[in-house]
Amino acid sequence: MNKKLIRMHEVLNRTGFCRAWIYKLIKQKRFPEPIKIGERAIAFIESEVDNWIDNLVNSARS
């Protein structure tokens, strides 16, 4: 299975949230954990972020 990585900027674009809010959700275990891809760089697995967004939409509509 191919896993595509997306950077924080793309996560911010997809969710509409600010960086601080994303980090708060991560700390609360309410958002997918990033993976370290460099000394000072992180990325997220695209499918995990997409699933998180889908779950958020589904829970808001039910």
PDB file of N, CA and C in Angstrom:
ATOM      1  N   MET A   1       0.851  -1.190   0.000  1.00  0.00           N
ATOM      2  CA  MET A   1       0.000   0.000   0.000  1.00  0.00           C
ATOM      3  C   MET A   1       0.890   1.245   0.000  1.00  0.00           C
ATOM      4  N   ASN A   2       0.660   2.142  -0.927  1.00  0.00           N
ATOM      5  CA  ASN A   2       1.408   3.392  -0.983  1.00  0.00           C
ATOM      6  C   ASN A   2       0.838   4.377   0.017  1.00  0.00           C
ATOM      7  N   LYS A   3       1.728   4.968   0.783  1.00  0.00           N
ATOM      8  CA  LYS A   3       1.311   5.991   1.730  1.00  0.00           C
ATOM      9  C   LYS A   3       1.950   7.303   1.303  1.00  0.00           C
ATOM     10  N   LYS A   4       1.108   8.273   1.012  1.00  0.00           N
ATOM     11  CA  LYS A   4       1.602   9.582   0.606  1.00  0.00           C
ATOM     12  C   LYS A   4       1.709  10.465   1.841  1.00  0.00           C
ATOM     13  N   LEU A   5       2.800  11.204   1.917  1.00  0.00           N
ATOM     14  CA  LEU A   5       3.007  12.122   3.031  1.00  0.00           C
ATOM     15  C   LEU A   5       2.634  13.534   2.607  1.00  0.00           C
ATOM     16  N   ILE A   6       2.014  14.248   3.522  1.00  0.00           N
ATOM     17  CA  ILE A   6       1.702  15.656   3.276  1.00  0.00           C
ATOM     18  C   ILE A   6       2.279  16.471   4.425  1.00  0.00           C
ATOM     19  N   ARG A   7       2.680  17.671   4.114  1.00  0.00           N
ATOM     20  CA  ARG A   7       3.302  18.549   5.106  1.00  0.00           C
ATOM     21  C   ARG A   7       2.226  19.367   5.825  1.00  0.00           C
ATOM     22  N   MET A   8       2.644  20.046   6.871  1.00  0.00           N
ATOM     23  CA  MET A   8       1.723  20.814   7.711  1.00  0.00           C
ATOM     24  C   MET A   8       0.930  21.835   6.888  1.00  0.00           C
ATOM     25  N   HIS A   9       1.575  22.493   5.947  1.00  0.00           N
ATOM     26  CA  HIS A   9       0.872  23.501   5.142  1.00  0.00           C
ATOM     27  C   HIS A   9      -0.350  22.896   4.451  1.00  0.00           C
ATOM     28  N   GLU A  10      -0.198  21.693   3.921  1.00  0.00           N
ATOM     29  CA  GLU A  10      -1.316  21.025   3.247  1.00  0.00           C
ATOM     30  C   GLU A  10      -2.397  20.635   4.253  1.00  0.00           C
ATOM     31  N   VAL A  11      -1.999  20.206   5.441  1.00  0.00           N
ATOM     32  CA  VAL A  11      -2.970  19.868   6.496  1.00  0.00           C
ATOM     33  C   VAL A  11      -3.780  21.109   6.866  1.00  0.00           C
ATOM     34  N   LEU A  12      -3.107  22.235   6.996  1.00  0.00           N
ATOM     35  CA  LEU A  12      -3.801  23.485   7.323  1.00  0.00           C
ATOM     36  C   LEU A  12      -4.788  23.856   6.217  1.00  0.00           C
ATOM     37  N   ASN A  13      -4.388  23.683   4.966  1.00  0.00           N
ATOM     38  CA  ASN A  13      -5.288  23.975   3.841  1.00  0.00           C
ATOM     39  C   ASN A  13      -6.501  23.054   3.847  1.00  0.00           C
ATOM     40  N   ARG A  14      -6.291  21.781   4.108  1.00  0.00           N
ATOM     41  CA  ARG A  14      -7.395  20.812   4.052  1.00  0.00           C
ATOM     42  C   ARG A  14      -8.367  20.965   5.210  1.00  0.00           C
ATOM     43  N   THR A  15      -7.865  21.297   6.389  1.00  0.00           N
ATOM     44  CA  THR A  15      -8.737  21.370   7.561  1.00  0.00           C
ATOM     45  C   THR A  15      -9.307  22.767   7.791  1.00  0.00           C
ATOM     46  N   GLY A  16      -8.593  23.793   7.369  1.00  0.00           N
ATOM     47  CA  GLY A  16      -9.008  25.158   7.656  1.00  0.00           C
ATOM     48  C   GLY A  16      -8.647  25.597   9.065  1.00  0.00           C
ATOM     49  N   PHE A  17      -7.919  24.759   9.785  1.00  0.00           N
ATOM     50  CA  PHE A  17      -7.502  25.079  11.150  1.00  0.00           C
ATOM     51  C   PHE A  17      -6.137  25.758  11.138  1.00  0.00           C
ATOM     52  N   CYS A  18      -5.814  26.422  12.242  1.00  0.00           N
ATOM     53  CA  CYS A  18      -4.492  27.024  12.376  1.00  0.00           C
ATOM     54  C   CYS A  18      -3.518  25.989  12.954  1.00  0.00           C
ATOM     55  N   ARG A  19      -2.244  26.283  12.809  1.00  0.00           N
ATOM     56  CA  ARG A  19      -1.186  25.383  13.269  1.00  0.00           C
ATOM     57  C   ARG A  19      -1.313  25.065  14.764  1.00  0.00           C
ATOM     58  N   ALA A  20      -1.583  26.078  15.578  1.00  0.00           N
ATOM     59  CA  ALA A  20      -1.690  25.866  17.026  1.00  0.00           C
ATOM     60  C   ALA A  20      -2.826  24.900  17.360  1.00  0.00           C
ATOM     61  N   TRP A  21      -3.940  25.010  16.649  1.00  0.00           N
ATOM     62  CA  TRP A  21      -5.083  24.125  16.911  1.00  0.00           C
ATOM     63  C   TRP A  21      -4.757  22.686  16.523  1.00  0.00           C
ATOM     64  N   ILE A  22      -4.055  22.506  15.410  1.00  0.00           N
ATOM     65  CA  ILE A  22      -3.648  21.157  14.995  1.00  0.00           C
ATOM     66  C   ILE A  22      -2.754  20.544  16.072  1.00  0.00           C
ATOM     67  N   TYR A  23      -1.784  21.309  16.559  1.00  0.00           N
ATOM     68  CA  TYR A  23      -0.894  20.783  17.605  1.00  0.00           C
ATOM     69  C   TYR A  23      -1.657  20.465  18.888  1.00  0.00           C
ATOM     70  N   LYS A  24      -2.654  21.276  19.217  1.00  0.00           N
ATOM     71  CA  LYS A  24      -3.468  21.002  20.402  1.00  0.00           C
ATOM     72  C   LYS A  24      -4.235  19.691  20.228  1.00  0.00           C
ATOM     73  N   LEU A  25      -4.825  19.480  19.051  1.00  0.00           N
ATOM     74  CA  LEU A  25      -5.550  18.238  18.780  1.00  0.00           C
ATOM     75  C   LEU A  25      -4.617  17.030  18.828  1.00  0.00           C
ATOM     76  N   ILE A  26      -3.405  17.185  18.309  1.00  0.00           N
ATOM     77  CA  ILE A  26      -2.428  16.090  18.354  1.00  0.00           C
ATOM     78  C   ILE A  26      -2.098  15.754  19.805  1.00  0.00           C
ATOM     79  N   LYS A  27      -1.865  16.765  20.609  1.00  0.00           N
ATOM     80  CA  LYS A  27      -1.533  16.553  22.028  1.00  0.00           C
ATOM     81  C   LYS A  27      -2.664  15.844  22.758  1.00  0.00           C
ATOM     82  N   GLN A  28      -3.903  16.142  22.375  1.00  0.00           N
ATOM     83  CA  GLN A  28      -5.075  15.517  22.996  1.00  0.00           C
ATOM     84  C   GLN A  28      -5.404  14.163  22.368  1.00  0.00           C
ATOM     85  N   LYS A  29      -4.567  13.699  21.437  1.00  0.00           N
ATOM     86  CA  LYS A  29      -4.784  12.420  20.735  1.00  0.00           C
ATOM     87  C   LYS A  29      -6.078  12.432  19.920  1.00  0.00           C
ATOM     88  N   ARG A  30      -6.449  13.611  19.410  1.00  0.00           N
ATOM     89  CA  ARG A  30      -7.669  13.750  18.622  1.00  0.00           C
ATOM     90  C   ARG A  30      -7.389  14.023  17.154  1.00  0.00           C
ATOM     91  N   PHE A  31      -6.109  13.948  16.765  1.00  0.00           N
ATOM     92  CA  PHE A  31      -5.699  14.151  15.380  1.00  0.00           C
ATOM     93  C   PHE A  31      -4.556  13.194  15.100  1.00  0.00           C
ATOM     94  N   PRO A  32      -4.433  12.713  13.858  1.00  0.00           N
ATOM     95  CA  PRO A  32      -3.362  11.759  13.543  1.00  0.00           C
ATOM     96  C   PRO A  32      -1.970  12.291  13.904  1.00  0.00           C
ATOM     97  N   GLU A  33      -1.156  11.419  14.471  1.00  0.00           N
ATOM     98  CA  GLU A  33       0.211  11.779  14.852  1.00  0.00           C
ATOM     99  C   GLU A  33       1.063  12.019  13.607  1.00  0.00           C
ATOM    100  N   PRO A  34       1.872  13.070  13.626  1.00  0.00           N
ATOM    101  CA  PRO A  34       2.795  13.276  12.509  1.00  0.00           C
ATOM    102  C   PRO A  34       3.988  12.328  12.628  1.00  0.00           C
ATOM    103  N   ILE A  35       4.708  12.183  11.540  1.00  0.00           N
ATOM    104  CA  ILE A  35       5.952  11.423  11.583  1.00  0.00           C
ATOM    105  C   ILE A  35       7.101  12.378  11.282  1.00  0.00           C
ATOM    106  N   LYS A  36       8.220  12.112  11.905  1.00  0.00           N
ATOM    107  CA  LYS A  36       9.390  12.963  11.714  1.00  0.00           C
ATOM    108  C   LYS A  36      10.086  12.543  10.424  1.00  0.00           C
ATOM    109  N   ILE A  37      10.298  13.484   9.520  1.00  0.00           N
ATOM    110  CA  ILE A  37      10.940  13.168   8.245  1.00  0.00           C
ATOM    111  C   ILE A  37      12.298  13.851   8.107  1.00  0.00           C
ATOM    112  N   GLY A  38      12.676  14.585   9.101  1.00  0.00           N
ATOM    113  CA  GLY A  38      13.962  15.278   9.095  1.00  0.00           C
ATOM    114  C   GLY A  38      14.233  15.819  10.478  1.00  0.00           C
ATOM    115  N   GLU A  39      15.355  16.487  10.613  1.00  0.00           N
ATOM    116  CA  GLU A  39      15.718  17.021  11.922  1.00  0.00           C
ATOM    117  C   GLU A  39      14.676  18.003  12.446  1.00  0.00           C
ATOM    118  N   ARG A  40      14.145  18.827  11.552  1.00  0.00           N
ATOM    119  CA  ARG A  40      13.152  19.821  11.963  1.00  0.00           C
ATOM    120  C   ARG A  40      11.909  19.779  11.094  1.00  0.00           C
ATOM    121  N   ALA A  41      11.586  18.610  10.561  1.00  0.00           N
ATOM    122  CA  ALA A  41      10.454  18.515   9.637  1.00  0.00           C
ATOM    123  C   ALA A  41       9.553  17.344  10.014  1.00  0.00           C
ATOM    124  N   ILE A  42       8.249  17.586   9.908  1.00  0.00           N
ATOM    125  CA  ILE A  42       7.265  16.531  10.137  1.00  0.00           C
ATOM    126  C   ILE A  42       6.348  16.450   8.927  1.00  0.00           C
ATOM    127  N   ALA A  43       5.678  15.318   8.819  1.00  0.00           N
ATOM    128  CA  ALA A  43       4.681  15.127   7.767  1.00  0.00           C
ATOM    129  C   ALA A  43       3.586  14.231   8.331  1.00  0.00           C
ATOM    130  N   PHE A  44       2.470  14.216   7.645  1.00  0.00           N
ATOM    131  CA  PHE A  44       1.328  13.403   8.037  1.00  0.00           C
ATOM    132  C   PHE A  44       1.031  12.418   6.921  1.00  0.00           C
ATOM    133  N   ILE A  45       0.471  11.275   7.276  1.00  0.00           N
ATOM    134  CA  ILE A  45       0.044  10.313   6.270  1.00  0.00           C
ATOM    135  C   ILE A  45      -1.291  10.805   5.720  1.00  0.00           C
ATOM    136  N   GLU A  46      -1.316  11.029   4.424  1.00  0.00           N
ATOM    137  CA  GLU A  46      -2.476  11.647   3.775  1.00  0.00           C
ATOM    138  C   GLU A  46      -3.774  10.899   4.069  1.00  0.00           C
ATOM    139  N   SER A  47      -3.753   9.581   3.986  1.00  0.00           N
ATOM    140  CA  SER A  47      -4.981   8.802   4.191  1.00  0.00           C
ATOM    141  C   SER A  47      -5.502   8.948   5.619  1.00  0.00           C
ATOM    142  N   GLU A  48      -4.599   9.083   6.600  1.00  0.00           N
ATOM    143  CA  GLU A  48      -5.043   9.272   7.984  1.00  0.00           C
ATOM    144  C   GLU A  48      -5.727  10.617   8.160  1.00  0.00           C
ATOM    145  N   VAL A  49      -5.174  11.650   7.541  1.00  0.00           N
ATOM    146  CA  VAL A  49      -5.786  12.983   7.619  1.00  0.00           C
ATOM    147  C   VAL A  49      -7.132  12.984   6.900  1.00  0.00           C
ATOM    148  N   ASP A  50      -7.187  12.367   5.723  1.00  0.00           N
ATOM    149  CA  ASP A  50      -8.450  12.294   4.983  1.00  0.00           C
ATOM    150  C   ASP A  50      -9.515  11.538   5.774  1.00  0.00           C
ATOM    151  N   ASN A  51      -9.137  10.434   6.412  1.00  0.00           N
ATOM    152  CA  ASN A  51     -10.086   9.675   7.242  1.00  0.00           C
ATOM    153  C   ASN A  51     -10.559  10.504   8.426  1.00  0.00           C
ATOM    154  N   TRP A  52      -9.659  11.272   9.023  1.00  0.00           N
ATOM    155  CA  TRP A  52     -10.022  12.123  10.155  1.00  0.00           C
ATOM    156  C   TRP A  52     -11.058  13.164   9.708  1.00  0.00           C
ATOM    157  N   ILE A  53     -10.833  13.774   8.554  1.00  0.00           N
ATOM    158  CA  ILE A  53     -11.778  14.767   8.026  1.00  0.00           C
ATOM    159  C   ILE A  53     -13.126  14.107   7.740  1.00  0.00           C
ATOM    160  N   ASP A  54     -13.111  12.932   7.110  1.00  0.00           N
ATOM    161  CA  ASP A  54     -14.356  12.207   6.825  1.00  0.00           C
ATOM    162  C   ASP A  54     -15.125  11.903   8.105  1.00  0.00           C
ATOM    163  N   ASN A  55     -14.422  11.453   9.139  1.00  0.00           N
ATOM    164  CA  ASN A  55     -15.073  11.149  10.420  1.00  0.00           C
ATOM    165  C   ASN A  55     -15.662  12.401  11.054  1.00  0.00           C
ATOM    166  N   LEU A  56     -14.964  13.516  10.944  1.00  0.00           N
ATOM    167  CA  LEU A  56     -15.461  14.779  11.491  1.00  0.00           C
ATOM    168  C   LEU A  56     -16.752  15.190  10.790  1.00  0.00           C
ATOM    169  N   VAL A  57     -16.772  15.077   9.477  1.00  0.00           N
ATOM    170  CA  VAL A  57     -17.965  15.424   8.698  1.00  0.00           C
ATOM    171  C   VAL A  57     -19.118  14.488   9.051  1.00  0.00           C
ATOM    172  N   ASN A  58     -18.841  13.191   9.099  1.00  0.00           N
ATOM    173  CA  ASN A  58     -19.892  12.215   9.406  1.00  0.00           C
ATOM    174  C   ASN A  58     -20.480  12.425  10.797  1.00  0.00           C
ATOM    175  N   SER A  59     -19.635  12.721  11.782  1.00  0.00           N
ATOM    176  CA  SER A  59     -20.157  12.929  13.138  1.00  0.00           C
ATOM    177  C   SER A  59     -20.955  14.226  13.231  1.00  0.00           C
ATOM    178  N   ALA A  60     -20.582  15.223  12.446  1.00  0.00           N
ATOM    179  CA  ALA A  60     -21.320  16.488  12.454  1.00  0.00           C
ATOM    180  C   ALA A  60     -22.690  16.347  11.798  1.00  0.00           C
ATOM    181  N   ARG A  61     -22.800  15.398  10.879  1.00  0.00           N
ATOM    182  CA  ARG A  61     -24.053  15.226  10.147  1.00  0.00           C
ATOM    183  C   ARG A  61     -24.970  14.178  10.761  1.00  0.00           C
ATOM    184  N   SER A  62     -24.494  13.463  11.757  1.00  0.00           N
ATOM    185  CA  SER A  62     -25.356  12.419  12.336  1.00  0.00           C
ATOM    186  C   SER A  62     -25.985  12.856  13.639  1.00  0.00           C
TER     187      SER A  62
END
